[in-house]
């Protein structure tokens, strides 16, 4: 028909005669994100990472809708309920050193502590108050866990540092000197680690020319395919729950914050939306 679009569909070799094709249509690339929220809300595990992952996407979705002047009372009510339970659980599980481990009363880790702190800071910033004392105790732990990047053997720890710097910078507790030492070894960082480092540096000084150096490197590393644009790590960082889908999302976040007019961004969103199965992504991350 006039103005129509022809879409080719690849039939998998494993398809059988009694199979079926389901077509899901969304009004925009981003509209389908809401489908994944139900999966997270009913995720069966109660570790600290999952507790944050249950409310953080809802939090960011409500923020996005608010910026678009769209009201969704049901989603906001769901978010308030999840935050009320989630924040209470997390505060009760905070270790004596101010940090968190994967599970209640487990040994503290910088990654999980930074992830929880990111969630609590984000909730507070959107108008859901969280005790500053609890958040500062977590930040103090992260600062005390600092190791000079030149002394770190495992590269995943450098990626962890980049995430920690990003979270601390977001709450006004960034350390320019420590960030600089990580920038000096940036070639050892995964793409998502470089993205977090760029966002941390940009948060502390938007005019820092080193930020653009990192962004140029990331732009040059993009994979361009018929499905869109993405980033693939040389090795998946399982220790920090990594995946190429998460890396692509984090790099997209860096471009959105630092270079929002980059022409590649719609194709990054297109790739991320095509990476879903049954309306959701493979992991809570």
C-alpha atoms as a PDB file:
ATOM      1  CA  UNK A   1       0.000   0.000   0.000  1.00  0.00           C
ATOM      2  CA  UNK A   2       1.020   3.593  -0.461  1.00  0.00           C
ATOM      3  CA  UNK A   3       3.294   4.682   2.345  1.00  0.00           C
ATOM      4  CA  UNK A   4       3.626   1.106   3.590  1.00  0.00           C
ATOM      5  CA  UNK A   5       6.802  -0.603   4.713  1.00  0.00           C
ATOM      6  CA  UNK A   6       7.963  -4.081   3.753  1.00  0.00           C
ATOM      7  CA  UNK A   7       9.763  -5.911   6.553  1.00  0.00           C
ATOM      8  CA  UNK A   8      11.767  -9.093   5.876  1.00  0.00           C
ATOM      9  CA  UNK A   9      11.492 -11.818   8.520  1.00  0.00           C
ATOM     10  CA  UNK A  10      14.166 -14.485   8.966  1.00  0.00           C
ATOM     11  CA  UNK A  11      12.693 -17.873   9.826  1.00  0.00           C
ATOM     12  CA  UNK A  12      15.009 -19.873  12.132  1.00  0.00           C
ATOM     13  CA  UNK A  13      16.114 -23.295  10.914  1.00  0.00           C
ATOM     14  CA  UNK A  14      14.603 -24.831  14.041  1.00  0.00           C
ATOM     15  CA  UNK A  15      11.111 -23.540  13.176  1.00  0.00           C
ATOM     16  CA  UNK A  16       8.394 -26.197  12.821  1.00  0.00           C
ATOM     17  CA  UNK A  17       5.154 -26.340  10.846  1.00  0.00           C
ATOM     18  CA  UNK A  18       3.095 -25.734  13.981  1.00  0.00           C
ATOM     19  CA  UNK A  19       5.097 -22.673  15.056  1.00  0.00           C
ATOM     20  CA  UNK A  20       3.699 -19.162  15.136  1.00  0.00           C
ATOM     21  CA  UNK A  21       4.812 -15.595  14.570  1.00  0.00           C
ATOM     22  CA  UNK A  22       3.946 -12.898  17.113  1.00  0.00           C
ATOM     23  CA  UNK A  23       4.401  -9.264  16.085  1.00  0.00           C
ATOM     24  CA  UNK A  24       4.635  -6.536  18.733  1.00  0.00           C
ATOM     25  CA  UNK A  25       4.325  -2.912  17.636  1.00  0.00           C
ATOM     26  CA  UNK A  26       5.448   0.074  19.704  1.00  0.00           C
ATOM     27  CA  UNK A  27       4.744   3.720  18.798  1.00  0.00           C
ATOM     28  CA  UNK A  28       8.419   4.611  19.277  1.00  0.00           C
ATOM     29  CA  UNK A  29      11.782   3.007  19.971  1.00  0.00           C
ATOM     30  CA  UNK A  30      11.616   3.821  23.656  1.00  0.00           C
ATOM     31  CA  UNK A  31       7.956   3.036  24.315  1.00  0.00           C
ATOM     32  CA  UNK A  32       8.553  -0.692  24.699  1.00  0.00           C
ATOM     33  CA  UNK A  33      10.678  -0.216  27.815  1.00  0.00           C
ATOM     34  CA  UNK A  34       7.614  -0.374  30.029  1.00  0.00           C
ATOM     35  CA  UNK A  35       7.154  -4.074  29.241  1.00  0.00           C
ATOM     36  CA  UNK A  36      10.322  -4.996  31.129  1.00  0.00           C
ATOM     37  CA  UNK A  37       9.236  -3.363  34.388  1.00  0.00           C
ATOM     38  CA  UNK A  38       6.790  -6.142  35.238  1.00  0.00           C
ATOM     39  CA  UNK A  39       9.545  -8.738  34.890  1.00  0.00           C
ATOM     40  CA  UNK A  40      11.719  -6.861  37.384  1.00  0.00           C
ATOM     41  CA  UNK A  41       8.850  -6.304  39.812  1.00  0.00           C
ATOM     42  CA  UNK A  42       8.279 -10.048  40.121  1.00  0.00           C
ATOM     43  CA  UNK A  43      11.909 -11.198  40.030  1.00  0.00           C
ATOM     44  CA  UNK A  44      12.156 -14.045  42.561  1.00  0.00           C
ATOM     45  CA  UNK A  45      15.415 -13.222  44.354  1.00  0.00           C
ATOM     46  CA  UNK A  46      15.938 -10.818  47.258  1.00  0.00           C
ATOM     47  CA  UNK A  47      19.658 -10.046  47.196  1.00  0.00           C
ATOM     48  CA  UNK A  48      20.716  -6.415  47.481  1.00  0.00           C
ATOM     49  CA  UNK A  49      21.393  -6.069  43.750  1.00  0.00           C
ATOM     50  CA  UNK A  50      17.910  -7.333  42.892  1.00  0.00           C
ATOM     51  CA  UNK A  51      16.333  -5.101  45.528  1.00  0.00           C
ATOM     52  CA  UNK A  52      17.819  -2.039  43.826  1.00  0.00           C
ATOM     53  CA  UNK A  53      17.085  -3.387  40.334  1.00  0.00           C
ATOM     54  CA  UNK A  54      13.448  -3.769  41.276  1.00  0.00           C
ATOM     55  CA  UNK A  55      12.901  -0.031  41.855  1.00  0.00           C
ATOM     56  CA  UNK A  56      15.689   1.746  39.958  1.00  0.00           C
ATOM     57  CA  UNK A  57      14.265   1.214  36.418  1.00  0.00           C
ATOM     58  CA  UNK A  58      10.836   2.333  37.657  1.00  0.00           C
ATOM     59  CA  UNK A  59      12.474   5.395  39.179  1.00  0.00           C
ATOM     60  CA  UNK A  60      14.180   6.357  35.929  1.00  0.00           C
ATOM     61  CA  UNK A  61      11.011   5.654  33.931  1.00  0.00           C
ATOM     62  CA  UNK A  62       8.984   7.982  36.141  1.00  0.00           C
ATOM     63  CA  UNK A  63      11.713  10.604  35.787  1.00  0.00           C
ATOM     64  CA  UNK A  64      11.623  10.277  32.003  1.00  0.00           C
ATOM     65  CA  UNK A  65       7.822  10.552  31.931  1.00  0.00           C
ATOM     66  CA  UNK A  66       7.969  13.638  34.179  1.00  0.00           C
ATOM     67  CA  UNK A  67      10.445  15.274  31.799  1.00  0.00           C
ATOM     68  CA  UNK A  68       7.974  14.605  28.972  1.00  0.00           C
ATOM     69  CA  UNK A  69       5.085  16.006  31.058  1.00  0.00           C
ATOM     70  CA  UNK A  70       3.370  12.605  31.035  1.00  0.00           C
ATOM     71  CA  UNK A  71       1.540  11.387  34.126  1.00  0.00           C
ATOM     72  CA  UNK A  72       1.257   7.668  34.932  1.00  0.00           C
ATOM     73  CA  UNK A  73      -0.418   7.369  38.368  1.00  0.00           C
ATOM     74  CA  UNK A  74      -0.311   3.558  38.343  1.00  0.00           C
ATOM     75  CA  UNK A  75       3.435   3.505  37.686  1.00  0.00           C
ATOM     76  CA  UNK A  76       4.067   6.210  40.271  1.00  0.00           C
ATOM     77  CA  UNK A  77       2.038   4.278  42.849  1.00  0.00           C
ATOM     78  CA  UNK A  78       3.976   1.115  42.034  1.00  0.00           C
ATOM     79  CA  UNK A  79       7.252   3.016  42.368  1.00  0.00           C
ATOM     80  CA  UNK A  80       6.278   4.463  45.758  1.00  0.00           C
ATOM     81  CA  UNK A  81       5.408   0.998  47.011  1.00  0.00           C
ATOM     82  CA  UNK A  82       8.636  -0.565  45.724  1.00  0.00           C
ATOM     83  CA  UNK A  83      10.759   2.271  47.063  1.00  0.00           C
ATOM     84  CA  UNK A  84       9.130   2.146  50.475  1.00  0.00           C
ATOM     85  CA  UNK A  85       9.923  -1.544  50.822  1.00  0.00           C
ATOM     86  CA  UNK A  86      13.256  -1.492  48.993  1.00  0.00           C
ATOM     87  CA  UNK A  87      14.812   1.442  50.835  1.00  0.00           C
ATOM     88  CA  UNK A  88      13.691   0.062  54.195  1.00  0.00           C
ATOM     89  CA  UNK A  89      15.255  -3.311  53.359  1.00  0.00           C
ATOM     90  CA  UNK A  90      18.512  -1.789  52.179  1.00  0.00           C
ATOM     91  CA  UNK A  91      18.934   0.472  55.202  1.00  0.00           C
ATOM     92  CA  UNK A  92      18.276  -2.467  57.534  1.00  0.00           C
ATOM     93  CA  UNK A  93      20.895  -4.525  55.667  1.00  0.00           C
ATOM     94  CA  UNK A  94      23.637  -1.876  55.742  1.00  0.00           C
ATOM     95  CA  UNK A  95      26.774  -3.353  57.290  1.00  0.00           C
ATOM     96  CA  UNK A  96      28.571  -1.735  60.217  1.00  0.00           C
ATOM     97  CA  UNK A  97      31.202  -0.352  57.821  1.00  0.00           C
ATOM     98  CA  UNK A  98      28.456   1.538  55.968  1.00  0.00           C
ATOM     99  CA  UNK A  99      28.491  -0.756  52.950  1.00  0.00           C
ATOM    100  CA  UNK A 100      26.613  -3.712  51.456  1.00  0.00           C
ATOM    101  CA  UNK A 101      27.452  -7.141  50.087  1.00  0.00           C
ATOM    102  CA  UNK A 102      25.454  -9.178  47.582  1.00  0.00           C
ATOM    103  CA  UNK A 103      23.301 -10.672  50.337  1.00  0.00           C
ATOM    104  CA  UNK A 104      22.330  -9.436  53.820  1.00  0.00           C
ATOM    105  CA  UNK A 105      25.201  -9.702  56.310  1.00  0.00           C
ATOM    106  CA  UNK A 106      27.618 -10.747  53.581  1.00  0.00           C
ATOM    107  CA  UNK A 107      31.057  -9.174  53.215  1.00  0.00           C
ATOM    108  CA  UNK A 108      30.909  -5.645  51.818  1.00  0.00           C
ATOM    109  CA  UNK A 109      31.951  -5.029  48.205  1.00  0.00           C
ATOM    110  CA  UNK A 110      32.598  -1.701  46.457  1.00  0.00           C
ATOM    111  CA  UNK A 111      30.488  -2.660  43.418  1.00  0.00           C
ATOM    112  CA  UNK A 112      27.315  -3.567  45.305  1.00  0.00           C
ATOM    113  CA  UNK A 113      27.806  -0.645  47.695  1.00  0.00           C
ATOM    114  CA  UNK A 114      28.118   1.767  44.761  1.00  0.00           C
ATOM    115  CA  UNK A 115      25.074   0.217  43.082  1.00  0.00           C
ATOM    116  CA  UNK A 116      22.951   0.546  46.219  1.00  0.00           C
ATOM    117  CA  UNK A 117      24.212   4.079  46.805  1.00  0.00           C
ATOM    118  CA  UNK A 118      23.370   5.006  43.201  1.00  0.00           C
ATOM    119  CA  UNK A 119      19.825   3.771  43.770  1.00  0.00           C
ATOM    120  CA  UNK A 120      19.441   5.628  47.077  1.00  0.00           C
ATOM    121  CA  UNK A 121      20.906   8.859  45.676  1.00  0.00           C
ATOM    122  CA  UNK A 122      18.623   8.633  42.641  1.00  0.00           C
ATOM    123  CA  UNK A 123      15.556   8.099  44.820  1.00  0.00           C
ATOM    124  CA  UNK A 124      16.452  11.074  47.019  1.00  0.00           C
ATOM    125  CA  UNK A 125      17.052  13.298  43.986  1.00  0.00           C
ATOM    126  CA  UNK A 126      13.598  12.484  42.602  1.00  0.00           C
ATOM    127  CA  UNK A 127      11.873  13.469  45.821  1.00  0.00           C
ATOM    128  CA  UNK A 128      11.830  10.220  47.771  1.00  0.00           C
ATOM    129  CA  UNK A 129      13.932  11.194  50.832  1.00  0.00           C
ATOM    130  CA  UNK A 130      16.693   8.832  51.941  1.00  0.00           C
ATOM    131  CA  UNK A 131      18.814   9.469  55.033  1.00  0.00           C
ATOM    132  CA  UNK A 132      21.921  11.473  54.143  1.00  0.00           C
ATOM    133  CA  UNK A 133      23.753   9.862  57.051  1.00  0.00           C
ATOM    134  CA  UNK A 134      23.261   6.384  55.594  1.00  0.00           C
ATOM    135  CA  UNK A 135      24.370   7.558  52.161  1.00  0.00           C
ATOM    136  CA  UNK A 136      27.439   9.356  53.532  1.00  0.00           C
ATOM    137  CA  UNK A 137      28.464   6.248  55.462  1.00  0.00           C
ATOM    138  CA  UNK A 138      28.381   4.306  52.200  1.00  0.00           C
ATOM    139  CA  UNK A 139      30.412   7.003  50.460  1.00  0.00           C
ATOM    140  CA  UNK A 140      32.958   6.943  53.289  1.00  0.00           C
ATOM    141  CA  UNK A 141      33.352   3.189  52.826  1.00  0.00           C
ATOM    142  CA  UNK A 142      33.922   3.624  49.080  1.00  0.00           C
ATOM    143  CA  UNK A 143      36.551   6.281  49.719  1.00  0.00           C
ATOM    144  CA  UNK A 144      38.312   4.081  52.267  1.00  0.00           C
ATOM    145  CA  UNK A 145      38.421   1.188  49.781  1.00  0.00           C
ATOM    146  CA  UNK A 146      40.421   3.190  47.234  1.00  0.00           C
ATOM    147  CA  UNK A 147      43.517   1.555  45.745  1.00  0.00           C
ATOM    148  CA  UNK A 148      45.918   3.270  43.354  1.00  0.00           C
ATOM    149  CA  UNK A 149      45.004   2.031  39.837  1.00  0.00           C
ATOM    150  CA  UNK A 150      48.676   1.398  39.046  1.00  0.00           C
ATOM    151  CA  UNK A 151      48.727  -1.164  41.873  1.00  0.00           C
ATOM    152  CA  UNK A 152      45.641  -3.066  40.659  1.00  0.00           C
ATOM    153  CA  UNK A 153      46.243  -6.414  38.960  1.00  0.00           C
ATOM    154  CA  UNK A 154      42.712  -7.282  37.810  1.00  0.00           C
ATOM    155  CA  UNK A 155      41.215  -5.000  35.183  1.00  0.00           C
ATOM    156  CA  UNK A 156      37.665  -5.598  36.473  1.00  0.00           C
ATOM    157  CA  UNK A 157      38.666  -3.709  39.614  1.00  0.00           C
ATOM    158  CA  UNK A 158      39.450  -0.679  37.474  1.00  0.00           C
ATOM    159  CA  UNK A 159      35.975  -0.875  35.955  1.00  0.00           C
ATOM    160  CA  UNK A 160      34.611  -1.077  39.481  1.00  0.00           C
ATOM    161  CA  UNK A 161      36.592   2.066  40.361  1.00  0.00           C
ATOM    162  CA  UNK A 162      35.114   3.898  37.378  1.00  0.00           C
ATOM    163  CA  UNK A 163      31.588   3.077  38.553  1.00  0.00           C
ATOM    164  CA  UNK A 164      32.435   4.162  42.110  1.00  0.00           C
ATOM    165  CA  UNK A 165      33.789   7.492  40.828  1.00  0.00           C
ATOM    166  CA  UNK A 166      30.616   7.977  38.787  1.00  0.00           C
ATOM    167  CA  UNK A 167      28.370   7.423  41.816  1.00  0.00           C
ATOM    168  CA  UNK A 168      30.462   9.602  44.139  1.00  0.00           C
ATOM    169  CA  UNK A 169      30.690  12.409  41.579  1.00  0.00           C
ATOM    170  CA  UNK A 170      26.916  12.307  41.213  1.00  0.00           C
ATOM    171  CA  UNK A 171      26.461  13.048  44.921  1.00  0.00           C
ATOM    172  CA  UNK A 172      29.075  15.809  44.939  1.00  0.00           C
ATOM    173  CA  UNK A 173      31.844  13.732  46.482  1.00  0.00           C
ATOM    174  CA  UNK A 174      34.064  13.166  43.452  1.00  0.00           C
ATOM    175  CA  UNK A 175      37.855  13.223  43.854  1.00  0.00           C
ATOM    176  CA  UNK A 176      39.579  14.832  40.860  1.00  0.00           C
ATOM    177  CA  UNK A 177      43.009  13.484  41.804  1.00  0.00           C
ATOM    178  CA  UNK A 178      41.855   9.890  42.048  1.00  0.00           C
ATOM    179  CA  UNK A 179      39.875  10.194  38.838  1.00  0.00           C
ATOM    180  CA  UNK A 180      43.005  11.437  37.079  1.00  0.00           C
ATOM    181  CA  UNK A 181      44.979   8.381  38.156  1.00  0.00           C
ATOM    182  CA  UNK A 182      42.278   6.165  36.625  1.00  0.00           C
ATOM    183  CA  UNK A 183      42.266   8.212  33.424  1.00  0.00           C
ATOM    184  CA  UNK A 184      45.990   7.526  33.095  1.00  0.00           C
ATOM    185  CA  UNK A 185      45.284   3.777  32.775  1.00  0.00           C
ATOM    186  CA  UNK A 186      42.038   4.133  30.786  1.00  0.00           C
ATOM    187  CA  UNK A 187      43.261   1.749  28.065  1.00  0.00           C
ATOM    188  CA  UNK A 188      42.787  -1.075  30.586  1.00  0.00           C
ATOM    189  CA  UNK A 189      39.145  -0.160  31.130  1.00  0.00           C
ATOM    190  CA  UNK A 190      36.274  -1.911  29.388  1.00  0.00           C
ATOM    191  CA  UNK A 191      34.075   0.310  27.241  1.00  0.00           C
ATOM    192  CA  UNK A 192      31.491   0.613  29.998  1.00  0.00           C
ATOM    193  CA  UNK A 193      34.238   1.543  32.485  1.00  0.00           C
ATOM    194  CA  UNK A 194      35.411   4.318  30.169  1.00  0.00           C
ATOM    195  CA  UNK A 195      31.824   5.544  29.855  1.00  0.00           C
ATOM    196  CA  UNK A 196      31.435   5.719  33.642  1.00  0.00           C
ATOM    197  CA  UNK A 197      34.795   7.497  33.909  1.00  0.00           C
ATOM    198  CA  UNK A 198      33.772  10.039  31.260  1.00  0.00           C
ATOM    199  CA  UNK A 199      30.489  10.742  33.058  1.00  0.00           C
ATOM    200  CA  UNK A 200      32.277  11.137  36.394  1.00  0.00           C
ATOM    201  CA  UNK A 201      34.784  13.587  34.927  1.00  0.00           C
ATOM    202  CA  UNK A 202      32.042  15.474  33.087  1.00  0.00           C
ATOM    203  CA  UNK A 203      30.044  15.771  36.312  1.00  0.00           C
ATOM    204  CA  UNK A 204      33.046  17.348  38.064  1.00  0.00           C
ATOM    205  CA  UNK A 205      34.174  19.557  35.158  1.00  0.00           C
ATOM    206  CA  UNK A 206      32.136  19.611  31.958  1.00  0.00           C
ATOM    207  CA  UNK A 207      34.910  21.531  30.193  1.00  0.00           C
ATOM    208  CA  UNK A 208      37.625  18.930  30.907  1.00  0.00           C
ATOM    209  CA  UNK A 209      39.082  18.094  27.439  1.00  0.00           C
ATOM    210  CA  UNK A 210      39.925  14.565  28.587  1.00  0.00           C
ATOM    211  CA  UNK A 211      36.215  13.778  28.598  1.00  0.00           C
ATOM    212  CA  UNK A 212      36.046  14.341  24.853  1.00  0.00           C
ATOM    213  CA  UNK A 213      39.106  12.145  24.353  1.00  0.00           C
ATOM    214  CA  UNK A 214      37.262   9.249  25.983  1.00  0.00           C
ATOM    215  CA  UNK A 215      34.099   9.948  24.009  1.00  0.00           C
ATOM    216  CA  UNK A 216      36.057  10.015  20.738  1.00  0.00           C
ATOM    217  CA  UNK A 217      37.483   6.596  21.602  1.00  0.00           C
ATOM    218  CA  UNK A 218      34.017   5.232  22.355  1.00  0.00           C
ATOM    219  CA  UNK A 219      32.549   6.647  19.160  1.00  0.00           C
ATOM    220  CA  UNK A 220      35.283   4.973  17.138  1.00  0.00           C
ATOM    221  CA  UNK A 221      34.659   1.603  18.819  1.00  0.00           C
ATOM    222  CA  UNK A 222      30.951   1.343  17.935  1.00  0.00           C
ATOM    223  CA  UNK A 223      29.774  -1.712  15.990  1.00  0.00           C
ATOM    224  CA  UNK A 224      27.450  -0.694  13.153  1.00  0.00           C
ATOM    225  CA  UNK A 225      25.127  -3.407  11.817  1.00  0.00           C
ATOM    226  CA  UNK A 226      21.689  -3.678  10.243  1.00  0.00           C
ATOM    227  CA  UNK A 227      20.281  -4.047  13.779  1.00  0.00           C
ATOM    228  CA  UNK A 228      21.766  -0.733  14.912  1.00  0.00           C
ATOM    229  CA  UNK A 229      24.853   0.422  16.830  1.00  0.00           C
ATOM    230  CA  UNK A 230      26.369  -1.304  19.856  1.00  0.00           C
ATOM    231  CA  UNK A 231      29.583  -1.959  21.764  1.00  0.00           C
ATOM    232  CA  UNK A 232      31.112  -5.412  22.314  1.00  0.00           C
ATOM    233  CA  UNK A 233      33.633  -6.003  25.072  1.00  0.00           C
ATOM    234  CA  UNK A 234      36.781  -8.048  24.416  1.00  0.00           C
ATOM    235  CA  UNK A 235      35.781 -10.135  27.459  1.00  0.00           C
ATOM    236  CA  UNK A 236      32.533 -10.179  29.427  1.00  0.00           C
ATOM    237  CA  UNK A 237      33.031  -8.806  32.947  1.00  0.00           C
ATOM    238  CA  UNK A 238      31.021 -11.459  34.815  1.00  0.00           C
ATOM    239  CA  UNK A 239      32.420 -10.377  38.189  1.00  0.00           C
ATOM    240  CA  UNK A 240      30.532  -7.102  37.874  1.00  0.00           C
ATOM    241  CA  UNK A 241      27.471  -8.619  36.157  1.00  0.00           C
ATOM    242  CA  UNK A 242      28.509  -7.346  32.752  1.00  0.00           C
ATOM    243  CA  UNK A 243      27.117  -7.992  29.283  1.00  0.00           C
ATOM    244  CA  UNK A 244      27.363  -6.303  25.897  1.00  0.00           C
ATOM    245  CA  UNK A 245      23.752  -5.180  26.319  1.00  0.00           C
ATOM    246  CA  UNK A 246      24.579  -3.416  29.581  1.00  0.00           C
ATOM    247  CA  UNK A 247      27.779  -1.956  28.118  1.00  0.00           C
ATOM    248  CA  UNK A 248      25.827  -0.536  25.171  1.00  0.00           C
ATOM    249  CA  UNK A 249      23.260   0.989  27.537  1.00  0.00           C
ATOM    250  CA  UNK A 250      25.947   2.584  29.715  1.00  0.00           C
ATOM    251  CA  UNK A 251      27.789   4.025  26.715  1.00  0.00           C
ATOM    252  CA  UNK A 252      24.450   5.367  25.466  1.00  0.00           C
ATOM    253  CA  UNK A 253      24.017   7.016  28.858  1.00  0.00           C
ATOM    254  CA  UNK A 254      27.404   8.699  28.508  1.00  0.00           C
ATOM    255  CA  UNK A 255      26.588  10.058  25.061  1.00  0.00           C
ATOM    256  CA  UNK A 256      23.174  11.240  26.232  1.00  0.00           C
ATOM    257  CA  UNK A 257      24.806  13.174  29.067  1.00  0.00           C
ATOM    258  CA  UNK A 258      27.864  14.485  27.215  1.00  0.00           C
ATOM    259  CA  UNK A 259      27.024  14.483  23.479  1.00  0.00           C
ATOM    260  CA  UNK A 260      23.227  14.344  23.249  1.00  0.00           C
ATOM    261  CA  UNK A 261      23.219  15.390  19.571  1.00  0.00           C
ATOM    262  CA  UNK A 262      25.424  12.488  18.417  1.00  0.00           C
ATOM    263  CA  UNK A 263      23.877  11.134  15.204  1.00  0.00           C
ATOM    264  CA  UNK A 264      24.438   7.500  16.184  1.00  0.00           C
ATOM    265  CA  UNK A 265      22.178   7.542  19.254  1.00  0.00           C
ATOM    266  CA  UNK A 266      18.855   6.495  17.640  1.00  0.00           C
ATOM    267  CA  UNK A 267      20.634   3.463  16.192  1.00  0.00           C
ATOM    268  CA  UNK A 268      21.968   2.575  19.649  1.00  0.00           C
ATOM    269  CA  UNK A 269      18.411   2.656  21.016  1.00  0.00           C
ATOM    270  CA  UNK A 270      17.287   0.554  18.041  1.00  0.00           C
ATOM    271  CA  UNK A 271      19.941  -2.094  18.818  1.00  0.00           C
ATOM    272  CA  UNK A 272      19.010  -2.174  22.511  1.00  0.00           C
ATOM    273  CA  UNK A 273      15.331  -2.645  21.757  1.00  0.00           C
ATOM    274  CA  UNK A 274      16.140  -5.470  19.331  1.00  0.00           C
ATOM    275  CA  UNK A 275      18.236  -7.171  22.036  1.00  0.00           C
ATOM    276  CA  UNK A 276      15.109  -8.002  24.060  1.00  0.00           C
ATOM    277  CA  UNK A 277      13.277 -11.311  24.206  1.00  0.00           C
ATOM    278  CA  UNK A 278       9.540 -11.279  24.989  1.00  0.00           C
ATOM    279  CA  UNK A 279       9.723  -7.574  25.842  1.00  0.00           C
ATOM    280  CA  UNK A 280      12.581  -7.767  28.327  1.00  0.00           C
ATOM    281  CA  UNK A 281      16.343  -7.964  28.515  1.00  0.00           C
ATOM    282  CA  UNK A 282      18.277 -11.045  29.626  1.00  0.00           C
ATOM    283  CA  UNK A 283      19.403  -9.768  33.049  1.00  0.00           C
ATOM    284  CA  UNK A 284      18.305  -7.305  35.730  1.00  0.00           C
ATOM    285  CA  UNK A 285      21.348  -5.201  34.841  1.00  0.00           C
END
